Protein backbone atom coordinates (compact mmCIF):
# COMPACT_ATOMS: atom_id res chain seq x y z
CA MET A 1 6.00 -8.14 -4.98
CA GLN A 2 9.20 -8.80 -5.64
CA ALA A 3 12.72 -8.92 -3.14
CA ARG A 4 16.08 -8.67 -2.55
CA SER A 5 18.85 -9.03 0.22
CA ILE A 6 16.92 -11.13 2.68
CA ARG A 7 18.30 -11.17 5.93
CA TYR A 8 17.16 -12.99 8.94
CA HIS A 9 16.68 -10.46 12.28
CA SER A 10 15.10 -13.05 14.93
CA SER A 11 11.96 -14.65 16.25
CA GLN A 12 9.14 -14.74 19.12
CA PRO A 13 7.13 -17.90 19.73
CA TRP A 14 3.74 -17.58 17.98
CA PRO A 15 0.30 -17.91 20.35
CA PHE A 16 -0.70 -21.38 18.88
CA PRO A 17 1.30 -24.24 20.12
CA GLY A 18 4.68 -25.53 18.71
CA LEU A 19 4.82 -22.61 15.53
CA ILE A 20 7.49 -19.91 15.76
CA MET A 21 6.96 -16.31 14.20
CA MET A 22 10.13 -15.33 12.44
CA GLY A 23 11.45 -11.82 11.55
CA PHE A 24 13.36 -10.86 8.45
CA LEU A 25 14.15 -7.73 6.61
CA ILE A 26 13.99 -7.52 3.33
CA GLU A 27 14.81 -4.58 0.41
CA ALA A 28 11.25 -4.31 -1.26
CA MET A 29 12.44 -4.04 -5.17
CA ASP A 30 8.95 -2.32 -6.57
CA THR A 31 5.75 -1.22 -4.82
CA ALA A 32 2.56 -3.37 -6.15
CA LEU A 33 1.30 -6.08 -3.18
CA THR A 34 -0.98 -8.95 -3.42
CA LEU A 35 -3.31 -9.45 -0.57
CA ASP A 36 -4.89 -12.57 0.54
CA SER A 37 -7.86 -11.39 1.40
CA GLU A 38 -8.58 -13.97 3.84
CA GLU A 39 -5.13 -13.74 5.45
CA ILE A 40 -4.57 -9.65 5.57
CA ALA A 41 -7.31 -6.89 4.86
CA GLU A 42 -5.34 -4.59 4.09
CA ALA A 43 -1.77 -3.39 3.42
CA ARG A 44 0.02 -0.05 2.86
CA TRP A 45 3.82 1.19 2.44
CA PHE A 46 4.82 3.73 4.96
CA THR A 47 7.72 5.70 5.05
CA ARG A 48 10.25 5.97 8.10
CA GLU A 49 8.99 9.83 8.05
CA GLU A 50 5.37 8.89 7.53
CA ILE A 51 5.60 6.12 10.72
CA ALA A 52 7.65 8.88 12.92
CA GLY A 53 4.77 11.07 13.12
CA HIS A 54 1.94 7.87 12.97
CA ASP A 55 -0.13 9.53 15.40
CA ALA A 56 -1.13 11.47 12.19
CA LEU A 57 -1.59 7.64 10.44
CA GLY A 58 -4.61 7.06 13.12
CA PHE A 59 -2.65 3.57 14.98
CA ASP A 60 0.45 3.23 16.83
CA PRO A 61 2.99 1.11 16.28
CA PRO A 62 3.61 -2.14 17.85
CA SER A 63 5.24 -2.37 21.34
CA PRO A 64 9.49 -2.61 20.73
CA ASN A 65 8.75 -5.92 22.85
CA MET A 66 7.40 -7.64 20.22
CA LEU A 67 9.06 -8.97 17.02
CA ALA A 68 6.92 -5.94 14.10
CA GLY A 69 8.12 -3.42 17.32
CA GLN A 70 11.92 -4.60 16.80
CA LEU A 71 11.56 -4.52 13.29
CA LEU A 72 10.06 -1.48 12.83
CA LYS A 73 13.27 0.23 14.78
CA VAL A 74 15.47 -1.08 13.24
CA TRP A 75 14.42 -0.19 9.24
CA ILE A 76 13.60 3.47 11.17
CA GLU A 77 17.23 3.18 11.97
CA GLN A 78 18.43 2.88 9.15
């Protein structure tokens, strides 16, 4: 995937000592995904409408207390 408009959003501590997770908002220029199978088992693209109806997708979005939840909330509200 190629990206542009990379903007820092926020960060939170990572569970390993001395590490930090950083969250960025980006604009994807294409939908191609390349996965490192040792790190990521599955990746998919979703629309805002699909995330809003997440019950039909079979998963719950991350808590808004977590960085991933904060990023998702910002994206949905755009």
